[in-house]
Amino acid sequence: MVSSDFTNGATYYHRQDINPAWAENKTYLAQYGAHKFYRN
């Protein structure tokens, strides 16, 4: 079974309750539940 990529191509993620320094240099894509997703 193949499912769609709900992260829209994300290569990074973190919990919403932290703000890692690396996230400043990434493109924000979406938030699902308690996680934020990014890509380069």
N, C-alpha and C. Protein backbone atom coordinates (compact mmCIF):
# COMPACT_ATOMS: atom_id res chain seq x y z
N MET A 1 0.84 -1.18 0.00
CA MET A 1 0.00 0.00 0.00
C MET A 1 0.89 1.24 0.00
N VAL A 2 0.58 2.18 -0.86
CA VAL A 2 1.32 3.43 -0.95
C VAL A 2 0.44 4.54 -0.42
N SER A 3 0.99 5.34 0.48
CA SER A 3 0.23 6.47 1.01
C SER A 3 0.86 7.77 0.54
N SER A 4 0.09 8.83 0.55
CA SER A 4 0.61 10.12 0.13
C SER A 4 1.53 10.70 1.20
N ASP A 5 2.40 11.60 0.80
CA ASP A 5 3.34 12.24 1.71
C ASP A 5 2.65 13.43 2.36
N PHE A 6 2.10 13.23 3.54
CA PHE A 6 1.38 14.30 4.22
C PHE A 6 2.30 15.44 4.65
N THR A 7 3.62 15.22 4.64
CA THR A 7 4.57 16.28 5.03
C THR A 7 4.93 17.18 3.86
N ASN A 8 4.47 16.84 2.67
CA ASN A 8 4.72 17.64 1.47
C ASN A 8 6.21 17.77 1.17
N GLY A 9 6.95 16.68 1.37
CA GLY A 9 8.37 16.67 1.04
C GLY A 9 9.29 17.14 2.15
N ALA A 10 8.81 17.19 3.36
CA ALA A 10 9.64 17.65 4.48
C ALA A 10 10.84 16.73 4.70
N THR A 11 11.95 17.36 5.07
CA THR A 11 13.16 16.61 5.39
C THR A 11 13.59 16.84 6.83
N TYR A 12 12.90 17.75 7.52
CA TYR A 12 13.19 18.05 8.93
C TYR A 12 11.88 18.25 9.67
N TYR A 13 11.91 17.97 10.96
CA TYR A 13 10.75 18.26 11.79
C TYR A 13 11.17 18.40 13.25
N HIS A 14 10.31 19.03 14.04
CA HIS A 14 10.53 19.14 15.48
C HIS A 14 9.19 19.33 16.17
N ARG A 15 9.20 19.12 17.47
CA ARG A 15 7.98 19.36 18.25
C ARG A 15 7.70 20.85 18.29
N GLN A 16 6.44 21.21 18.39
CA GLN A 16 6.06 22.62 18.38
C GLN A 16 6.50 23.38 19.62
N ASP A 17 6.82 22.66 20.69
CA ASP A 17 7.19 23.34 21.94
C ASP A 17 8.67 23.65 22.07
N ILE A 18 9.46 23.43 21.00
CA ILE A 18 10.86 23.83 20.98
C ILE A 18 11.12 24.66 19.73
N ASN A 19 12.19 25.42 19.73
CA ASN A 19 12.56 26.24 18.58
C ASN A 19 14.04 26.04 18.28
N PRO A 20 14.38 24.99 17.55
CA PRO A 20 15.79 24.73 17.26
C PRO A 20 16.38 25.79 16.33
N ALA A 21 17.67 26.09 16.54
CA ALA A 21 18.34 27.11 15.73
C ALA A 21 18.33 26.76 14.25
N TRP A 22 18.45 25.49 13.92
CA TRP A 22 18.52 25.09 12.50
C TRP A 22 17.24 25.44 11.74
N ALA A 23 16.12 25.56 12.43
CA ALA A 23 14.84 25.81 11.76
C ALA A 23 14.79 27.19 11.09
N GLU A 24 15.60 28.13 11.57
CA GLU A 24 15.62 29.48 10.99
C GLU A 24 16.04 29.47 9.52
N ASN A 25 16.84 28.49 9.13
CA ASN A 25 17.36 28.42 7.76
C ASN A 25 16.58 27.46 6.86
N LYS A 26 15.44 26.99 7.31
CA LYS A 26 14.63 26.04 6.54
C LYS A 26 13.32 26.67 6.11
N THR A 27 12.70 26.08 5.12
CA THR A 27 11.39 26.53 4.65
C THR A 27 10.31 25.80 5.42
N TYR A 28 9.48 26.55 6.14
CA TYR A 28 8.38 25.96 6.90
C TYR A 28 7.32 25.46 5.94
N LEU A 29 6.85 24.24 6.17
CA LEU A 29 5.83 23.65 5.30
C LEU A 29 4.48 23.56 5.96
N ALA A 30 4.43 22.97 7.15
CA ALA A 30 3.14 22.73 7.78
C ALA A 30 3.32 22.26 9.21
N GLN A 31 2.21 22.26 9.93
CA GLN A 31 2.19 21.66 11.26
C GLN A 31 1.11 20.60 11.28
N TYR A 32 1.48 19.44 11.78
CA TYR A 32 0.54 18.32 11.94
C TYR A 32 0.64 17.87 13.38
N GLY A 33 -0.46 18.00 14.11
CA GLY A 33 -0.43 17.64 15.52
C GLY A 33 0.59 18.52 16.24
N ALA A 34 1.48 17.89 16.99
CA ALA A 34 2.47 18.61 17.79
C ALA A 34 3.80 18.79 17.07
N HIS A 35 3.85 18.58 15.75
CA HIS A 35 5.11 18.66 15.02
C HIS A 35 5.05 19.66 13.87
N LYS A 36 6.15 20.41 13.70
CA LYS A 36 6.30 21.34 12.58
C LYS A 36 7.27 20.72 11.58
N PHE A 37 6.97 20.87 10.30
CA PHE A 37 7.74 20.24 9.24
C PHE A 37 8.38 21.29 8.33
N TYR A 38 9.62 20.99 7.88
CA TYR A 38 10.42 21.92 7.08
C TYR A 38 11.15 21.16 5.98
N ARG A 39 11.69 21.93 5.02
CA ARG A 39 12.63 21.39 4.04
C ARG A 39 13.64 22.49 3.72
N ASN A 40 14.68 22.11 3.00
CA ASN A 40 15.74 23.08 2.66
C ASN A 40 15.24 24.15 1.74
